[in-house]
Amino acid sequence: MQVTVIDYKAGNLTSVVKALRHLGAEVTVTESSQDVAEAQRIVLPGVGHFAATARLDDTGLTPAIREAIARGVPFLGICVGMQWLLEGSSEAPNQPGLGYFHAHCERFPEGKEKVPHVGWNTILPHTDPEGQSTRLMSGIQAAGGDNFAYFTHSYYVPAGVVFRAPATPAKEPIAAVTRYINVFASAVEHRNVFGVQFHPEKSGETGLNILKNFLEISA
């Protein structure tokens, strides 16, 4: 299984690559748009400030990723990589995201609980009327399980806003939610596009299970 991990100087590459290789993936780390154009499966990690995603625009990676998604290549955004799938973030108002999902990231409000949100928290997968989780969350119990993942972020994807994916105006692509100050989207899924706000590479067996699910999703 070949996986292309994008290096735009804002990702926790070492842990992500180690986790993917542990699961048997053949990993290529790149900042080349040509490599992305030939990718079979793409992972976009990200930590830090949303403004760092400007490098994706500057290097031609943004159109290469957009074209890969249009071809049906499975894509996973991690942390800021997930936020970048939206139209933008209040963290960097002048820096656009990919715009795949029609929503904006917001900052957690200040109050009794500390910002940023750092540490372990529960993820609650969304299920269909028959109780089935999404493909990314397969095997993660919707209730009663120890579904802990590791988070570190100040900005989040609101779970209660109109959050629509292209061509499916009635479909909410939220795969899982988490509560910290507010309820927010901790995972998203639409067709071949996936995102997680937490760090699966640092989230033990739960995180490895989610990465394994991504690797097994057919293109």
N, C-alpha and C. Protein backbone atom coordinates (compact mmCIF):
# COMPACT_ATOMS: atom_id res chain seq x y z
N MET A 1 0.85 -1.20 0.00
CA MET A 1 0.00 0.00 0.00
C MET A 1 0.88 1.24 0.00
N GLN A 2 0.80 2.03 -1.05
CA GLN A 2 1.62 3.23 -1.17
C GLN A 2 0.85 4.43 -0.64
N VAL A 3 1.51 5.22 0.23
CA VAL A 3 0.90 6.42 0.81
C VAL A 3 1.87 7.59 0.63
N THR A 4 1.34 8.70 0.13
CA THR A 4 2.13 9.91 -0.03
C THR A 4 1.79 10.86 1.12
N VAL A 5 2.79 11.18 1.94
CA VAL A 5 2.62 12.11 3.06
C VAL A 5 3.20 13.45 2.64
N ILE A 6 2.39 14.49 2.71
CA ILE A 6 2.80 15.81 2.24
C ILE A 6 3.55 16.56 3.34
N ASP A 7 4.71 17.06 2.96
CA ASP A 7 5.54 17.85 3.87
C ASP A 7 5.47 19.31 3.43
N TYR A 8 4.73 20.13 4.20
CA TYR A 8 4.71 21.56 3.93
C TYR A 8 5.27 22.34 5.12
N LYS A 9 6.18 21.68 5.84
CA LYS A 9 6.92 22.27 6.95
C LYS A 9 6.02 22.65 8.12
N ALA A 10 4.91 21.94 8.27
CA ALA A 10 4.01 22.23 9.39
C ALA A 10 3.37 20.97 9.93
N GLY A 11 4.01 19.82 9.73
CA GLY A 11 3.40 18.58 10.16
C GLY A 11 4.29 17.76 11.07
N ASN A 12 3.65 16.91 11.85
CA ASN A 12 4.37 15.99 12.72
C ASN A 12 4.69 14.73 11.91
N LEU A 13 5.64 14.86 10.99
CA LEU A 13 5.85 13.81 10.00
C LEU A 13 6.39 12.51 10.59
N THR A 14 7.32 12.62 11.53
CA THR A 14 7.99 11.42 12.03
C THR A 14 7.00 10.42 12.62
N SER A 15 6.13 10.89 13.49
CA SER A 15 5.16 9.99 14.13
C SER A 15 4.15 9.44 13.14
N VAL A 16 3.71 10.28 12.21
CA VAL A 16 2.73 9.85 11.20
C VAL A 16 3.34 8.76 10.32
N VAL A 17 4.54 9.02 9.83
CA VAL A 17 5.21 8.05 8.96
C VAL A 17 5.45 6.73 9.71
N LYS A 18 5.89 6.83 10.95
CA LYS A 18 6.15 5.63 11.74
C LYS A 18 4.89 4.80 11.91
N ALA A 19 3.77 5.46 12.20
CA ALA A 19 2.51 4.74 12.40
C ALA A 19 2.06 4.07 11.10
N LEU A 20 2.16 4.77 9.98
CA LEU A 20 1.74 4.21 8.70
C LEU A 20 2.62 3.01 8.31
N ARG A 21 3.92 3.13 8.54
CA ARG A 21 4.82 2.02 8.21
C ARG A 21 4.57 0.83 9.14
N HIS A 22 4.22 1.11 10.39
CA HIS A 22 3.88 0.05 11.32
C HIS A 22 2.69 -0.77 10.80
N LEU A 23 1.79 -0.10 10.08
CA LEU A 23 0.62 -0.76 9.53
C LEU A 23 0.89 -1.39 8.17
N GLY A 24 2.13 -1.31 7.72
CA GLY A 24 2.50 -1.98 6.48
C GLY A 24 2.49 -1.12 5.25
N ALA A 25 2.31 0.18 5.40
CA ALA A 25 2.27 1.07 4.23
C ALA A 25 3.68 1.39 3.75
N GLU A 26 3.78 1.58 2.45
CA GLU A 26 5.00 2.09 1.84
C GLU A 26 4.84 3.61 1.72
N VAL A 27 5.64 4.35 2.47
CA VAL A 27 5.42 5.79 2.64
C VAL A 27 6.44 6.60 1.85
N THR A 28 5.94 7.59 1.12
CA THR A 28 6.78 8.59 0.46
C THR A 28 6.46 9.95 1.07
N VAL A 29 7.48 10.64 1.58
CA VAL A 29 7.30 11.99 2.11
C VAL A 29 7.74 12.97 1.04
N THR A 30 6.89 13.95 0.73
CA THR A 30 7.20 14.83 -0.39
C THR A 30 6.63 16.23 -0.20
N GLU A 31 7.23 17.20 -0.88
CA GLU A 31 6.64 18.53 -1.04
C GLU A 31 6.51 18.84 -2.52
N SER A 32 6.49 17.81 -3.35
CA SER A 32 6.42 17.95 -4.79
C SER A 32 4.99 17.76 -5.30
N SER A 33 4.49 18.69 -6.07
CA SER A 33 3.16 18.56 -6.65
C SER A 33 3.11 17.41 -7.66
N GLN A 34 4.24 17.11 -8.29
CA GLN A 34 4.29 15.99 -9.23
C GLN A 34 4.08 14.66 -8.51
N ASP A 35 4.69 14.50 -7.33
CA ASP A 35 4.47 13.28 -6.55
C ASP A 35 3.01 13.15 -6.15
N VAL A 36 2.38 14.26 -5.80
CA VAL A 36 0.96 14.24 -5.43
C VAL A 36 0.11 13.85 -6.63
N ALA A 37 0.50 14.33 -7.81
CA ALA A 37 -0.25 14.00 -9.02
C ALA A 37 -0.23 12.51 -9.32
N GLU A 38 0.79 11.81 -8.83
CA GLU A 38 0.92 10.38 -9.07
C GLU A 38 0.56 9.53 -7.86
N ALA A 39 0.09 10.16 -6.79
CA ALA A 39 -0.17 9.46 -5.53
C ALA A 39 -1.36 8.52 -5.63
N GLN A 40 -1.27 7.44 -4.88
CA GLN A 40 -2.37 6.48 -4.76
C GLN A 40 -3.25 6.76 -3.54
N ARG A 41 -2.66 7.42 -2.54
CA ARG A 41 -3.33 7.71 -1.28
C ARG A 41 -2.54 8.84 -0.62
N ILE A 42 -3.23 9.83 -0.06
CA ILE A 42 -2.56 11.04 0.42
C ILE A 42 -2.91 11.30 1.87
N VAL A 43 -1.88 11.66 2.66
CA VAL A 43 -2.08 12.10 4.04
C VAL A 43 -1.47 13.49 4.19
N LEU A 44 -2.24 14.41 4.75
CA LEU A 44 -1.77 15.78 5.00
C LEU A 44 -1.78 16.04 6.50
N PRO A 45 -0.63 15.88 7.18
CA PRO A 45 -0.57 16.21 8.61
C PRO A 45 -0.47 17.73 8.78
N GLY A 46 -0.65 18.19 10.00
CA GLY A 46 -0.48 19.61 10.24
C GLY A 46 -0.55 19.94 11.72
N VAL A 47 0.37 20.76 12.18
CA VAL A 47 0.33 21.29 13.54
C VAL A 47 0.64 22.78 13.45
N GLY A 48 0.25 23.52 14.48
CA GLY A 48 0.59 24.93 14.51
C GLY A 48 -0.48 25.81 13.90
N HIS A 49 -0.05 26.85 13.20
CA HIS A 49 -0.92 27.93 12.74
C HIS A 49 -1.49 27.64 11.35
N PHE A 50 -2.77 27.99 11.18
CA PHE A 50 -3.44 27.77 9.89
C PHE A 50 -2.73 28.52 8.75
N ALA A 51 -2.08 29.62 9.07
CA ALA A 51 -1.39 30.41 8.04
C ALA A 51 -0.31 29.60 7.33
N ALA A 52 0.20 28.55 7.99
CA ALA A 52 1.25 27.73 7.38
C ALA A 52 0.76 27.03 6.12
N THR A 53 -0.57 26.88 5.97
CA THR A 53 -1.09 26.22 4.78
C THR A 53 -0.88 27.06 3.52
N ALA A 54 -0.46 28.31 3.67
CA ALA A 54 -0.14 29.13 2.50
C ALA A 54 0.93 28.46 1.64
N ARG A 55 1.78 27.68 2.27
CA ARG A 55 2.84 27.01 1.52
C ARG A 55 2.26 26.01 0.52
N LEU A 56 1.11 25.45 0.82
CA LEU A 56 0.46 24.55 -0.12
C LEU A 56 0.09 25.29 -1.41
N ASP A 57 -0.32 26.55 -1.25
CA ASP A 57 -0.64 27.37 -2.42
C ASP A 57 0.63 27.77 -3.17
N ASP A 58 1.65 28.17 -2.41
CA ASP A 58 2.88 28.70 -3.00
C ASP A 58 3.64 27.65 -3.81
N THR A 59 3.52 26.39 -3.42
CA THR A 59 4.29 25.32 -4.07
C THR A 59 3.49 24.56 -5.12
N GLY A 60 2.24 24.96 -5.35
CA GLY A 60 1.40 24.26 -6.32
C GLY A 60 0.77 22.99 -5.80
N LEU A 61 0.90 22.76 -4.49
CA LEU A 61 0.33 21.54 -3.92
C LEU A 61 -1.20 21.61 -3.85
N THR A 62 -1.75 22.79 -3.64
CA THR A 62 -3.21 22.92 -3.52
C THR A 62 -3.93 22.42 -4.78
N PRO A 63 -3.59 22.92 -5.97
CA PRO A 63 -4.28 22.38 -7.16
C PRO A 63 -3.98 20.91 -7.40
N ALA A 64 -2.79 20.46 -7.05
CA ALA A 64 -2.45 19.03 -7.22
C ALA A 64 -3.33 18.16 -6.33
N ILE A 65 -3.54 18.61 -5.08
CA ILE A 65 -4.41 17.87 -4.16
C ILE A 65 -5.85 17.91 -4.65
N ARG A 66 -6.29 19.07 -5.12
CA ARG A 66 -7.66 19.19 -5.61
C ARG A 66 -7.91 18.22 -6.78
N GLU A 67 -6.94 18.15 -7.67
CA GLU A 67 -7.08 17.25 -8.82
C GLU A 67 -7.05 15.79 -8.37
N ALA A 68 -6.19 15.45 -7.40
CA ALA A 68 -6.13 14.08 -6.90
C ALA A 68 -7.46 13.67 -6.27
N ILE A 69 -8.04 14.56 -5.48
CA ILE A 69 -9.34 14.27 -4.87
C ILE A 69 -10.39 14.05 -5.94
N ALA A 70 -10.37 14.89 -6.97
CA ALA A 70 -11.35 14.75 -8.06
C ALA A 70 -11.20 13.42 -8.78
N ARG A 71 -9.99 12.86 -8.80
CA ARG A 71 -9.76 11.55 -9.44
C ARG A 71 -10.20 10.40 -8.55
N GLY A 72 -10.53 10.69 -7.29
CA GLY A 72 -10.97 9.65 -6.38
C GLY A 72 -9.89 9.12 -5.47
N VAL A 73 -8.73 9.78 -5.43
CA VAL A 73 -7.65 9.35 -4.55
C VAL A 73 -8.06 9.56 -3.09
N PRO A 74 -7.97 8.54 -2.23
CA PRO A 74 -8.30 8.74 -0.81
C PRO A 74 -7.36 9.76 -0.17
N PHE A 75 -7.95 10.69 0.57
CA PHE A 75 -7.20 11.79 1.19
C PHE A 75 -7.56 11.87 2.66
N LEU A 76 -6.55 11.98 3.52
CA LEU A 76 -6.77 12.14 4.96
C LEU A 76 -6.03 13.36 5.46
N GLY A 77 -6.76 14.32 6.04
CA GLY A 77 -6.16 15.49 6.68
C GLY A 77 -6.15 15.30 8.19
N ILE A 78 -5.02 15.59 8.81
CA ILE A 78 -4.86 15.42 10.26
C ILE A 78 -4.66 16.78 10.92
N CYS A 79 -5.45 17.09 11.95
CA CYS A 79 -5.37 18.32 12.73
C CYS A 79 -5.54 19.54 11.81
N VAL A 80 -4.52 20.37 11.63
CA VAL A 80 -4.65 21.51 10.71
C VAL A 80 -4.94 21.01 9.30
N GLY A 81 -4.46 19.80 8.98
CA GLY A 81 -4.77 19.21 7.69
C GLY A 81 -6.25 18.98 7.48
N MET A 82 -7.00 18.67 8.54
CA MET A 82 -8.45 18.57 8.46
C MET A 82 -9.06 19.95 8.34
N GLN A 83 -8.59 20.90 9.15
CA GLN A 83 -9.15 22.25 9.10
C GLN A 83 -8.99 22.88 7.72
N TRP A 84 -7.90 22.54 7.04
CA TRP A 84 -7.63 23.09 5.71
C TRP A 84 -8.66 22.66 4.68
N LEU A 85 -9.37 21.56 4.94
CA LEU A 85 -10.41 21.12 4.03
C LEU A 85 -11.60 22.07 3.99
N LEU A 86 -11.71 22.94 4.99
CA LEU A 86 -12.80 23.90 5.05
C LEU A 86 -12.46 25.15 4.21
N GLU A 87 -13.36 26.11 4.23
CA GLU A 87 -13.14 27.34 3.46
C GLU A 87 -12.09 28.23 4.10
N GLY A 88 -11.90 28.09 5.40
CA GLY A 88 -10.91 28.90 6.07
C GLY A 88 -11.04 28.79 7.57
N SER A 89 -10.26 29.62 8.28
CA SER A 89 -10.23 29.60 9.74
C SER A 89 -10.09 31.03 10.24
N SER A 90 -10.73 31.32 11.35
CA SER A 90 -10.58 32.65 11.97
C SER A 90 -9.17 32.86 12.51
N GLU A 91 -8.37 31.80 12.55
CA GLU A 91 -6.98 31.94 12.98
C GLU A 91 -6.16 32.73 11.96
N ALA A 92 -6.51 32.59 10.70
CA ALA A 92 -5.80 33.31 9.62
C ALA A 92 -6.85 33.70 8.58
N PRO A 93 -7.60 34.76 8.83
CA PRO A 93 -8.75 35.11 7.99
C PRO A 93 -8.43 35.33 6.52
N ASN A 94 -7.20 35.73 6.23
CA ASN A 94 -6.84 36.01 4.84
C ASN A 94 -6.28 34.81 4.09
N GLN A 95 -6.17 33.67 4.78
CA GLN A 95 -5.64 32.47 4.14
C GLN A 95 -6.78 31.49 3.86
N PRO A 96 -7.09 31.26 2.60
CA PRO A 96 -8.19 30.33 2.30
C PRO A 96 -7.78 28.89 2.51
N GLY A 97 -8.77 28.07 2.82
CA GLY A 97 -8.57 26.64 2.84
C GLY A 97 -8.90 26.06 1.48
N LEU A 98 -8.97 24.75 1.41
CA LEU A 98 -9.28 24.09 0.15
C LEU A 98 -10.72 24.37 -0.27
N GLY A 99 -11.62 24.54 0.70
CA GLY A 99 -13.01 24.81 0.40
C GLY A 99 -13.81 23.57 0.01
N TYR A 100 -13.30 22.39 0.33
CA TYR A 100 -14.06 21.18 0.02
C TYR A 100 -15.33 21.11 0.86
N PHE A 101 -15.23 21.49 2.13
CA PHE A 101 -16.38 21.58 3.00
C PHE A 101 -16.73 23.05 3.23
N HIS A 102 -18.01 23.36 3.20
CA HIS A 102 -18.46 24.74 3.30
C HIS A 102 -18.70 25.12 4.76
N ALA A 103 -17.62 25.42 5.45
CA ALA A 103 -17.68 25.83 6.85
C ALA A 103 -16.35 26.49 7.20
N HIS A 104 -16.27 27.14 8.37
CA HIS A 104 -15.06 27.80 8.84
C HIS A 104 -14.71 27.31 10.25
N CYS A 105 -13.42 27.23 10.53
CA CYS A 105 -12.95 26.90 11.87
C CYS A 105 -13.07 28.11 12.78
N GLU A 106 -13.38 27.86 14.03
CA GLU A 106 -13.50 28.93 15.02
C GLU A 106 -12.60 28.61 16.22
N ARG A 107 -12.30 29.62 17.01
CA ARG A 107 -11.48 29.43 18.21
C ARG A 107 -12.37 29.09 19.39
N PHE A 108 -11.90 28.19 20.23
CA PHE A 108 -12.62 27.92 21.47
C PHE A 108 -12.74 29.20 22.28
N PRO A 109 -13.91 29.47 22.86
CA PRO A 109 -14.05 30.66 23.70
C PRO A 109 -13.30 30.51 25.02
N GLU A 110 -12.79 31.60 25.51
CA GLU A 110 -12.10 31.59 26.80
C GLU A 110 -13.11 31.43 27.93
N GLY A 111 -12.72 30.72 28.97
CA GLY A 111 -13.62 30.50 30.10
C GLY A 111 -12.92 29.69 31.17
N LYS A 112 -13.67 28.85 31.85
CA LYS A 112 -13.09 28.04 32.92
C LYS A 112 -12.11 27.01 32.38
N GLU A 113 -12.39 26.48 31.20
CA GLU A 113 -11.52 25.45 30.62
C GLU A 113 -10.42 26.10 29.79
N LYS A 114 -9.25 25.50 29.84
CA LYS A 114 -8.09 26.09 29.20
C LYS A 114 -8.14 25.95 27.68
N VAL A 115 -7.61 26.95 27.02
CA VAL A 115 -7.39 26.91 25.58
C VAL A 115 -5.89 27.10 25.36
N PRO A 116 -5.23 26.21 24.64
CA PRO A 116 -5.77 25.17 23.76
C PRO A 116 -6.27 23.92 24.48
N HIS A 117 -7.01 23.13 23.74
CA HIS A 117 -7.47 21.82 24.17
C HIS A 117 -6.33 20.84 23.93
N VAL A 118 -5.71 20.37 25.01
CA VAL A 118 -4.55 19.49 24.89
C VAL A 118 -4.77 18.26 25.76
N GLY A 119 -4.59 17.09 25.17
CA GLY A 119 -4.67 15.84 25.93
C GLY A 119 -5.68 14.87 25.36
N TRP A 120 -5.99 13.87 26.16
CA TRP A 120 -6.88 12.79 25.73
C TRP A 120 -8.33 13.18 25.92
N ASN A 121 -9.16 12.81 24.96
CA ASN A 121 -10.59 13.06 25.05
C ASN A 121 -11.32 11.99 24.25
N THR A 122 -12.61 11.87 24.51
CA THR A 122 -13.42 10.84 23.88
C THR A 122 -13.91 11.29 22.52
N ILE A 123 -13.88 10.38 21.56
CA ILE A 123 -14.52 10.62 20.27
C ILE A 123 -15.78 9.76 20.20
N LEU A 124 -16.85 10.34 19.70
CA LEU A 124 -18.14 9.65 19.60
C LEU A 124 -18.52 9.55 18.13
N PRO A 125 -18.35 8.38 17.52
CA PRO A 125 -18.67 8.23 16.10
C PRO A 125 -20.15 8.44 15.81
N HIS A 126 -20.44 9.07 14.68
CA HIS A 126 -21.81 9.15 14.20
C HIS A 126 -22.17 7.83 13.54
N THR A 127 -23.42 7.46 13.62
CA THR A 127 -23.88 6.22 13.00
C THR A 127 -25.11 6.50 12.15
N ASP A 128 -25.37 5.58 11.21
CA ASP A 128 -26.56 5.69 10.38
C ASP A 128 -27.76 5.10 11.14
N PRO A 129 -28.96 5.15 10.56
CA PRO A 129 -30.14 4.63 11.27
C PRO A 129 -30.04 3.17 11.68
N GLU A 130 -29.16 2.41 11.02
CA GLU A 130 -28.98 1.01 11.38
C GLU A 130 -27.85 0.80 12.38
N GLY A 131 -27.28 1.91 12.87
CA GLY A 131 -26.24 1.82 13.88
C GLY A 131 -24.84 1.59 13.34
N GLN A 132 -24.65 1.76 12.04
CA GLN A 132 -23.35 1.54 11.42
C GLN A 132 -22.53 2.83 11.40
N SER A 133 -21.26 2.71 11.79
CA SER A 133 -20.35 3.85 11.75
C SER A 133 -19.91 4.12 10.31
N THR A 134 -19.28 5.25 10.09
CA THR A 134 -18.70 5.54 8.79
C THR A 134 -17.51 4.63 8.55
N ARG A 135 -16.99 4.64 7.32
CA ARG A 135 -15.86 3.76 6.99
C ARG A 135 -14.64 4.09 7.84
N LEU A 136 -14.38 5.38 8.06
CA LEU A 136 -13.20 5.76 8.83
C LEU A 136 -13.31 5.33 10.28
N MET A 137 -14.52 5.32 10.81
CA MET A 137 -14.74 4.98 12.21
C MET A 137 -15.16 3.53 12.42
N SER A 138 -15.02 2.71 11.39
CA SER A 138 -15.40 1.30 11.51
C SER A 138 -14.64 0.62 12.66
N GLY A 139 -15.38 -0.08 13.49
CA GLY A 139 -14.76 -0.77 14.62
C GLY A 139 -14.61 0.08 15.86
N ILE A 140 -14.93 1.38 15.77
CA ILE A 140 -14.89 2.28 16.92
C ILE A 140 -16.31 2.36 17.47
N GLN A 141 -16.52 1.91 18.68
CA GLN A 141 -17.86 1.83 19.24
C GLN A 141 -18.49 3.21 19.37
N ALA A 142 -19.78 3.27 19.01
CA ALA A 142 -20.49 4.54 19.08
C ALA A 142 -20.83 4.93 20.50
N ALA A 143 -20.93 3.96 21.38
CA ALA A 143 -21.27 4.25 22.78
C ALA A 143 -20.68 3.17 23.67
N GLY A 144 -20.26 3.57 24.85
CA GLY A 144 -19.80 2.61 25.84
C GLY A 144 -18.38 2.12 25.65
N GLY A 145 -17.67 2.66 24.67
CA GLY A 145 -16.31 2.21 24.43
C GLY A 145 -15.29 3.21 24.94
N ASP A 146 -14.06 2.76 25.04
CA ASP A 146 -12.97 3.64 25.46
C ASP A 146 -12.33 4.27 24.23
N ASN A 147 -13.07 5.16 23.61
CA ASN A 147 -12.63 5.75 22.35
C ASN A 147 -11.86 7.04 22.60
N PHE A 148 -10.68 6.91 23.18
CA PHE A 148 -9.90 8.10 23.51
C PHE A 148 -8.89 8.40 22.41
N ALA A 149 -8.78 9.69 22.08
CA ALA A 149 -7.81 10.15 21.10
C ALA A 149 -7.07 11.35 21.67
N TYR A 150 -5.89 11.63 21.10
CA TYR A 150 -5.05 12.71 21.62
C TYR A 150 -5.24 13.97 20.77
N PHE A 151 -5.58 15.07 21.45
CA PHE A 151 -5.84 16.35 20.79
C PHE A 151 -4.83 17.40 21.23
N THR A 152 -4.56 18.34 20.34
CA THR A 152 -3.86 19.58 20.72
C THR A 152 -4.23 20.65 19.71
N HIS A 153 -5.17 21.53 20.09
CA HIS A 153 -5.66 22.55 19.14
C HIS A 153 -6.43 23.63 19.90
N SER A 154 -6.43 24.82 19.31
CA SER A 154 -7.21 25.95 19.83
C SER A 154 -8.41 26.26 18.94
N TYR A 155 -8.37 25.80 17.70
CA TYR A 155 -9.43 26.06 16.73
C TYR A 155 -10.11 24.74 16.39
N TYR A 156 -11.39 24.81 16.05
CA TYR A 156 -12.17 23.60 15.88
C TYR A 156 -13.20 23.77 14.77
N VAL A 157 -13.73 22.66 14.32
CA VAL A 157 -14.80 22.64 13.33
C VAL A 157 -16.12 22.49 14.06
N PRO A 158 -16.97 23.51 14.06
CA PRO A 158 -18.24 23.40 14.79
C PRO A 158 -19.11 22.27 14.26
N ALA A 159 -19.71 21.54 15.16
CA ALA A 159 -20.58 20.43 14.75
C ALA A 159 -22.00 20.90 14.48
N GLY A 160 -22.36 22.08 14.94
CA GLY A 160 -23.75 22.51 14.83
C GLY A 160 -24.04 23.47 13.71
N VAL A 161 -23.02 23.81 12.89
CA VAL A 161 -23.26 24.75 11.80
C VAL A 161 -23.64 23.98 10.54
N VAL A 162 -24.10 24.71 9.54
CA VAL A 162 -24.33 24.09 8.25
C VAL A 162 -22.96 23.69 7.69
N PHE A 163 -22.79 22.41 7.51
CA PHE A 163 -21.47 21.87 7.19
C PHE A 163 -21.66 20.91 6.02
N ARG A 164 -21.65 21.47 4.83
CA ARG A 164 -22.07 20.69 3.68
C ARG A 164 -20.92 20.43 2.72
N ALA A 165 -20.95 19.25 2.14
CA ALA A 165 -19.93 18.86 1.18
C ALA A 165 -20.45 19.11 -0.23
N PRO A 166 -19.56 19.26 -1.20
CA PRO A 166 -19.98 19.48 -2.58
C PRO A 166 -20.90 18.38 -3.09
N ALA A 167 -21.92 18.78 -3.81
CA ALA A 167 -22.83 17.87 -4.52
C ALA A 167 -23.76 17.09 -3.60
N THR A 168 -23.67 17.31 -2.30
CA THR A 168 -24.59 16.61 -1.37
C THR A 168 -25.12 17.62 -0.37
N PRO A 169 -25.95 18.56 -0.80
CA PRO A 169 -26.36 19.67 0.08
C PRO A 169 -27.14 19.26 1.31
N ALA A 170 -27.68 18.04 1.34
CA ALA A 170 -28.46 17.63 2.51
C ALA A 170 -27.67 16.71 3.44
N LYS A 171 -26.44 16.43 3.10
CA LYS A 171 -25.68 15.43 3.86
C LYS A 171 -24.69 16.10 4.79
N GLU A 172 -24.72 15.72 6.05
CA GLU A 172 -23.75 16.20 7.02
C GLU A 172 -22.58 15.22 7.06
N PRO A 173 -21.38 15.65 6.67
CA PRO A 173 -20.27 14.70 6.57
C PRO A 173 -19.48 14.53 7.86
N ILE A 174 -20.14 14.68 9.01
CA ILE A 174 -19.44 14.52 10.28
C ILE A 174 -19.39 13.04 10.66
N ALA A 175 -18.18 12.53 10.85
CA ALA A 175 -17.99 11.12 11.16
C ALA A 175 -17.92 10.88 12.67
N ALA A 176 -17.49 11.89 13.44
CA ALA A 176 -17.40 11.76 14.90
C ALA A 176 -17.39 13.14 15.53
N VAL A 177 -17.83 13.22 16.77
CA VAL A 177 -17.82 14.47 17.51
C VAL A 177 -17.12 14.26 18.85
N THR A 178 -16.69 15.37 19.43
CA THR A 178 -16.05 15.38 20.74
C THR A 178 -16.54 16.62 21.49
N ARG A 179 -16.60 16.52 22.82
CA ARG A 179 -17.00 17.68 23.61
C ARG A 179 -15.81 18.24 24.37
N TYR A 180 -15.51 19.51 24.12
CA TYR A 180 -14.58 20.28 24.94
C TYR A 180 -15.01 21.73 24.81
N ILE A 181 -15.54 22.29 25.85
CA ILE A 181 -16.18 23.62 25.87
C ILE A 181 -17.44 23.56 25.00
N ASN A 182 -17.28 23.24 23.71
CA ASN A 182 -18.40 23.02 22.80
C ASN A 182 -18.31 21.59 22.25
N VAL A 183 -19.40 21.16 21.65
CA VAL A 183 -19.33 19.93 20.86
C VAL A 183 -18.79 20.33 19.48
N PHE A 184 -17.75 19.61 19.04
CA PHE A 184 -17.17 19.95 17.74
C PHE A 184 -16.95 18.68 16.92
N ALA A 185 -16.75 18.85 15.64
CA ALA A 185 -16.50 17.73 14.75
C ALA A 185 -15.06 17.26 14.92
N SER A 186 -14.88 16.04 15.40
CA SER A 186 -13.53 15.51 15.55
C SER A 186 -13.12 14.63 14.39
N ALA A 187 -14.06 14.30 13.50
CA ALA A 187 -13.73 13.57 12.28
C ALA A 187 -14.79 13.88 11.22
N VAL A 188 -14.35 13.96 9.98
CA VAL A 188 -15.26 14.20 8.86
C VAL A 188 -14.99 13.17 7.78
N GLU A 189 -16.01 12.93 6.95
CA GLU A 189 -15.88 11.95 5.88
C GLU A 189 -16.89 12.27 4.79
N HIS A 190 -16.42 12.33 3.56
CA HIS A 190 -17.30 12.48 2.40
C HIS A 190 -16.62 11.87 1.19
N ARG A 191 -17.23 10.83 0.64
CA ARG A 191 -16.65 10.14 -0.50
C ARG A 191 -15.21 9.71 -0.18
N ASN A 192 -14.23 10.22 -0.91
CA ASN A 192 -12.84 9.82 -0.69
C ASN A 192 -12.06 10.81 0.16
N VAL A 193 -12.75 11.72 0.81
CA VAL A 193 -12.10 12.76 1.62
C VAL A 193 -12.41 12.54 3.10
N PHE A 194 -11.35 12.51 3.92
CA PHE A 194 -11.47 12.23 5.34
C PHE A 194 -10.63 13.23 6.13
N GLY A 195 -11.03 13.50 7.35
CA GLY A 195 -10.24 14.37 8.21
C GLY A 195 -10.46 14.03 9.67
N VAL A 196 -9.40 14.20 10.47
CA VAL A 196 -9.50 14.00 11.92
C VAL A 196 -8.83 15.17 12.62
N GLN A 197 -9.49 15.71 13.64
CA GLN A 197 -8.92 16.82 14.39
C GLN A 197 -7.84 16.34 15.36
N PHE A 198 -7.97 15.13 15.83
CA PHE A 198 -6.99 14.55 16.76
C PHE A 198 -5.80 13.99 15.99
N HIS A 199 -4.82 13.49 16.74
CA HIS A 199 -3.63 12.90 16.13
C HIS A 199 -3.72 11.38 16.25
N PRO A 200 -4.14 10.68 15.20
CA PRO A 200 -4.27 9.22 15.30
C PRO A 200 -2.93 8.54 15.55
N GLU A 201 -1.85 9.16 15.07
CA GLU A 201 -0.52 8.57 15.25
C GLU A 201 -0.07 8.61 16.70
N LYS A 202 -0.78 9.37 17.55
CA LYS A 202 -0.45 9.47 18.97
C LYS A 202 -1.60 8.96 19.85
N SER A 203 -2.55 8.26 19.24
CA SER A 203 -3.78 7.87 19.94
C SER A 203 -3.91 6.38 20.17
N GLY A 204 -2.78 5.70 20.32
CA GLY A 204 -2.80 4.30 20.70
C GLY A 204 -3.54 3.41 19.70
N GLU A 205 -4.17 2.36 20.22
CA GLU A 205 -4.85 1.39 19.36
C GLU A 205 -6.03 2.02 18.61
N THR A 206 -6.73 2.96 19.26
CA THR A 206 -7.84 3.62 18.58
C THR A 206 -7.34 4.36 17.34
N GLY A 207 -6.25 5.10 17.49
CA GLY A 207 -5.70 5.83 16.37
C GLY A 207 -5.19 4.92 15.27
N LEU A 208 -4.51 3.83 15.66
CA LEU A 208 -4.02 2.88 14.66
C LEU A 208 -5.17 2.22 13.91
N ASN A 209 -6.25 1.95 14.62
CA ASN A 209 -7.43 1.37 13.97
C ASN A 209 -7.98 2.31 12.91
N ILE A 210 -8.03 3.59 13.24
CA ILE A 210 -8.56 4.58 12.29
C ILE A 210 -7.64 4.71 11.08
N LEU A 211 -6.32 4.74 11.30
CA LEU A 211 -5.39 4.79 10.18
C LEU A 211 -5.50 3.52 9.32
N LYS A 212 -5.67 2.39 9.96
CA LYS A 212 -5.84 1.12 9.23
C LYS A 212 -7.10 1.18 8.37
N ASN A 213 -8.18 1.73 8.92
CA ASN A 213 -9.41 1.88 8.15
C ASN A 213 -9.16 2.72 6.90
N PHE A 214 -8.41 3.81 7.07
CA PHE A 214 -8.12 4.67 5.93
C PHE A 214 -7.32 3.91 4.87
N LEU A 215 -6.34 3.14 5.30
CA LEU A 215 -5.52 2.40 4.35
C LEU A 215 -6.31 1.35 3.61
N GLU A 216 -7.38 0.86 4.20
CA GLU A 216 -8.18 -0.21 3.58
C GLU A 216 -9.32 0.31 2.72
N ILE A 217 -9.56 1.62 2.72
CA ILE A 217 -10.63 2.18 1.90
C ILE A 217 -10.20 2.15 0.44
N SER A 218 -11.02 1.59 -0.40
CA SER A 218 -10.66 1.44 -1.81
C SER A 218 -10.76 2.77 -2.53
N ALA A 219 -9.85 2.96 -3.48
CA ALA A 219 -9.83 4.19 -4.26
C ALA A 219 -10.94 4.18 -5.29
